[in-house]
Amino acid sequence: MTTKNTKPSSLAQETALETTVRLAAIKQIARDELGLETLDARNSDQLDFHELAVWQIKKALLKAYEAGLARR
């Protein structure tokens, strides 16, 4: 009989503080680069759907990637 060696996901291994810091960084990037007031669903098409240019999305993703590299 073999037992499956399950490894906890990296998210499960993070402390609450690390998760809070990462979410704060993501929210800041969303505000600064995408002009989004919040990332919370507000159950309204006018508030939850946004038209964004691809260069805005690219810039936001690069900022998030750089923030992740900086935390290593």
C-alpha atoms as a PDB file:
ATOM      1  CA  MET A   1       0.000   0.000   0.000  1.00  0.00           C
ATOM      2  CA  THR A   2       1.406   3.356  -0.941  1.00  0.00           C
ATOM      3  CA  THR A   3       0.541   6.643   0.603  1.00  0.00           C
ATOM      4  CA  LYS A   4       0.306   9.703  -1.492  1.00  0.00           C
ATOM      5  CA  ASN A   5       2.734  12.343  -0.286  1.00  0.00           C
ATOM      6  CA  THR A   6       0.689  15.498  -0.508  1.00  0.00           C
ATOM      7  CA  LYS A   7       2.561  18.733  -0.270  1.00  0.00           C
ATOM      8  CA  PRO A   8       0.664  21.793   0.965  1.00  0.00           C
ATOM      9  CA  SER A   9       0.219  24.475  -1.638  1.00  0.00           C
ATOM     10  CA  SER A  10       2.535  27.461  -1.445  1.00  0.00           C
ATOM     11  CA  LEU A  11      -0.450  29.658  -0.591  1.00  0.00           C
ATOM     12  CA  ALA A  12      -1.250  27.461   2.419  1.00  0.00           C
ATOM     13  CA  GLN A  13       2.343  27.853   3.616  1.00  0.00           C
ATOM     14  CA  GLU A  14       2.242  31.650   3.573  1.00  0.00           C
ATOM     15  CA  THR A  15       1.620  33.459   6.784  1.00  0.00           C
ATOM     16  CA  ALA A  16      -1.387  35.722   7.098  1.00  0.00           C
ATOM     17  CA  LEU A  17       0.929  38.726   7.060  1.00  0.00           C
ATOM     18  CA  GLU A  18       2.584  37.693   3.795  1.00  0.00           C
ATOM     19  CA  THR A  19      -0.820  37.198   2.210  1.00  0.00           C
ATOM     20  CA  THR A  20      -1.969  40.598   3.450  1.00  0.00           C
ATOM     21  CA  VAL A  21       1.155  42.271   2.051  1.00  0.00           C
ATOM     22  CA  ARG A  22       0.702  40.614  -1.341  1.00  0.00           C
ATOM     23  CA  LEU A  23      -2.967  41.547  -1.556  1.00  0.00           C
ATOM     24  CA  ALA A  24      -2.154  45.141  -0.612  1.00  0.00           C
ATOM     25  CA  ALA A  25       0.426  45.280  -3.410  1.00  0.00           C
ATOM     26  CA  ILE A  26      -2.052  43.868  -5.926  1.00  0.00           C
ATOM     27  CA  LYS A  27      -4.725  46.365  -4.879  1.00  0.00           C
ATOM     28  CA  GLN A  28      -2.234  49.232  -5.154  1.00  0.00           C
ATOM     29  CA  ILE A  29      -1.228  48.152  -8.667  1.00  0.00           C
ATOM     30  CA  ALA A  30      -4.890  47.894  -9.653  1.00  0.00           C
ATOM     31  CA  ARG A  31      -5.490  51.451  -8.413  1.00  0.00           C
ATOM     32  CA  ASP A  32      -2.316  53.000  -9.818  1.00  0.00           C
ATOM     33  CA  GLU A  33      -2.010  51.238 -13.156  1.00  0.00           C
ATOM     34  CA  LEU A  34      -5.571  50.269 -14.030  1.00  0.00           C
ATOM     35  CA  GLY A  35      -7.540  53.016 -12.321  1.00  0.00           C
ATOM     36  CA  LEU A  36      -9.669  50.492 -10.439  1.00  0.00           C
ATOM     37  CA  GLU A  37     -11.192  51.745  -7.210  1.00  0.00           C
ATOM     38  CA  THR A  38     -11.509  48.234  -5.784  1.00  0.00           C
ATOM     39  CA  LEU A  39     -11.041  44.613  -6.752  1.00  0.00           C
ATOM     40  CA  ASP A  40     -14.130  43.587  -4.792  1.00  0.00           C
ATOM     41  CA  ALA A  41     -17.176  42.448  -6.739  1.00  0.00           C
ATOM     42  CA  ARG A  42     -19.990  44.929  -6.306  1.00  0.00           C
ATOM     43  CA  ASN A  43     -22.629  42.997  -8.248  1.00  0.00           C
ATOM     44  CA  SER A  44     -23.115  45.748 -10.785  1.00  0.00           C
ATOM     45  CA  ASP A  45     -22.034  45.576 -14.407  1.00  0.00           C
ATOM     46  CA  GLN A  46     -21.176  49.290 -14.384  1.00  0.00           C
ATOM     47  CA  LEU A  47     -18.904  48.833 -11.375  1.00  0.00           C
ATOM     48  CA  ASP A  48     -17.491  45.362 -12.010  1.00  0.00           C
ATOM     49  CA  PHE A  49     -16.620  45.483 -15.722  1.00  0.00           C
ATOM     50  CA  HIS A  50     -13.958  47.832 -17.044  1.00  0.00           C
ATOM     51  CA  GLU A  51     -12.601  48.632 -20.461  1.00  0.00           C
ATOM     52  CA  LEU A  52      -8.814  48.609 -20.330  1.00  0.00           C
ATOM     53  CA  ALA A  53      -6.175  49.018 -22.988  1.00  0.00           C
ATOM     54  CA  VAL A  54      -3.769  46.131 -23.467  1.00  0.00           C
ATOM     55  CA  TRP A  55      -0.834  48.388 -22.592  1.00  0.00           C
ATOM     56  CA  GLN A  56      -2.453  49.171 -19.232  1.00  0.00           C
ATOM     57  CA  ILE A  57      -2.858  45.480 -18.484  1.00  0.00           C
ATOM     58  CA  LYS A  58       0.705  44.770 -19.619  1.00  0.00           C
ATOM     59  CA  LYS A  59       2.085  47.521 -17.374  1.00  0.00           C
ATOM     60  CA  ALA A  60       0.091  46.242 -14.382  1.00  0.00           C
ATOM     61  CA  LEU A  61       1.267  42.672 -14.938  1.00  0.00           C
ATOM     62  CA  LEU A  62       4.886  43.806 -15.212  1.00  0.00           C
ATOM     63  CA  LYS A  63       4.537  45.758 -11.958  1.00  0.00           C
ATOM     64  CA  ALA A  64       3.109  42.683 -10.229  1.00  0.00           C
ATOM     65  CA  TYR A  65       5.902  40.499 -11.600  1.00  0.00           C
ATOM     66  CA  GLU A  66       8.547  42.992 -10.459  1.00  0.00           C
ATOM     67  CA  ALA A  67       6.952  43.179  -7.009  1.00  0.00           C
ATOM     68  CA  GLY A  68       7.118  39.395  -6.756  1.00  0.00           C
ATOM     69  CA  LEU A  69      10.783  39.358  -7.760  1.00  0.00           C
ATOM     70  CA  ALA A  70      11.581  42.061  -5.217  1.00  0.00           C
ATOM     71  CA  ARG A  71      10.091  39.923  -2.404  1.00  0.00           C
ATOM     72  CA  ARG A  72      12.420  36.989  -3.124  1.00  0.00           C
END
